[in-house]
Amino acid sequence: MALYWCTECIPLAVTALLPVILFPMMQIMEASEVCIQYLKDSNMLFIGGLLVAIAVEHWNLHKRIALRVLLLVGVKPALLMMGFMVTTAFLSMWISNTASTAMMLPIAHAVLDQLEKTEAEADEKELCSGQENQAYEMEETTKEDKENAAEAGLALAMEERRLRRERVYKELSKGMSLCVCYSASIGGTATLTGTTPNLILKGQMDALYPGNGGIINFASWFGFCFPNMVLMLIISWLWLQFMYLGFNFKKTFGCGTKSEGDKAAYQVMKDEYKKLGSMTFAEGSVLTVFVLLVLLWFTREPGFMPGWATVLFNKEKEYVSDGTVAIFMATLFFAIPSKIPRWLCRGRSADMTGETEKAPPPLLNWEVVHEKMPWNILLLLGGGFALAHGSEKSGLSLWLGQSLEPLKTIPDFAIALLICLLIATFTECSSNTATTTLFLPILGSMASAIQLHPLYVMLPSTICASLAFMLPVATPPNAIAFSYGNLKVIDMAKAGFALNILGVLCVQLALNTWGVAMFDLKEFPTWANVTKP
């Protein structure tokens, strides 16, 4: 399965189905026990989160949020890049990284095109007026000579300005494309439902260590990963500034000045926002359900105090999970109408002709969900859980863990750092989902064998699996940015290599500071003491 996932000789989801065939035939597990791994609580959380994301995309709420933020930020190059990064990262926390990138890149390039066009017009006006003044000063030459000299000078100056302007905007365009795709990958790490590897970690933790007490939930994940995401965004913004804009703060930040180009580019975003019109009842409903879902996730089991689920349902066992909440709120999209029924406004259900009024369609219907839901990822998640469970039942996990016991002599931080570097390298050539599915069970076995807290190696490895910045094939956001044609592989590799290293160091900093305090990572927990297959 590892070989097939890395080479993608058959689709990833088909590879994920191999345990259903092979485990029963090898008498490792019964077929019924294998199949039940394919629809666990983590899969339900994934489905619920995706249904919310589909509703947000379907009603274009993400575009309204993005343009609103960009209008607040402005169009100075440095601030514009910051605005696109913050907006893309925020959207990627809730909807897919691919969708965030696909929506933000056209907006970014439309704004840049307008800036370049307006600057070209301003240059032409400035040069024409300058040549006219120069021609008046040339009194000794004939009128024809004046005109010829003026035209030649104008053409030469315009060509020089055009080449310089193209160089500047080519670099700016590269920086803007990279900032969008990188911030989509970084933003996806901040929430439990932001990207698939996060859910794989939760599923693997629950499968390998059933008694962990729900140590990974929406609130605990956000508490650890959100500050790390902010730190990585700032570092990546500074790095891209250095590579593509330089550190001319007066020019890039503007210091309060506003040129004609800035006003024209700002107008482009303003026009795009006006096209959306005023917020509809459907958009307001989706936004309300979305906000309620996030609040319920945060307050279910916040950690520092009993949550509503503990008080109402989870007194003895964890009956209600984040997946329960996600599915409950997602079902509301199929019940809430997309328009206010007219009979509510008029107080009756029939119009003046006596015909019965049709009920407005709901916020979501199954046709839309069926079209946009990545069903293959569900199978991929399930295949990973089945593989991990089979490794445990067969004794493979225990054998792997015992084989790695010599690592006890290496300091904990060095083990975590080396593993993160390995994962960050491996994920450049393999999908982040396949990478985490392959490595997490092995890392869990190793942690149990050397008496190290499992999260100390599994948590940073999961985040580092999303730090695929070097190659266009590493993630869909990178591929989308590369497809715009202004990037070369070497551009992405140069910018991404440094960011990969900086990202790994950021994760290590987070792990050994607030991560240790949040999860008590210096102590080996009793629930991780696995001594038999």
Foldseek 3Di string as FASTA:
>chain_A
DLVCQLVVPDPLLVVLCVCLPPCVVVVLDNNVVLVVLLDDLLLLLLLLLALLQLLCVVLVVLVLQLLVQQLVQFDQLLSNLLSLLVSLLQNLQRHPLLVSLVVSLVLVVVLLVLLLVVVLVVQLVVLVVVLVVVLVVPPPDDPVVSVVVSVVVSVVSSVVVVVVSVLLSLLSSLLSLLSNSQSSLLSLQQFCNSDLLSSLLQLLCCLQQVPPVCLDFGQLSNVQRVVLSVVLNVVLSVLSCCRRPNPPCCRRVVVPDDDPSRVRSSVVSVVVSVVSPDDAPLSVVSVVLVVVLVVCRCQPCVPVDHGPCCVPPDVPHNPDGNSNSSVVSSVVQQVAASHDQVCVVVVDQADPVRDGDDGHGGSDDVVSCVVPPPVSVSSSSSSLSSVLNSCQSVVVLLVLQQVLQVCLVPDLLVVQLVLLVVLLVSLLSGELSSSLSPCLSSLLSNCLSSLFASCSRSVSSSSSSSLNQQACPSDSSSVVSVVVPSDDSVSRNVSSVVSSVVSSVSSSVSCPPVVCVSSVRVHRDPSSNDDGD
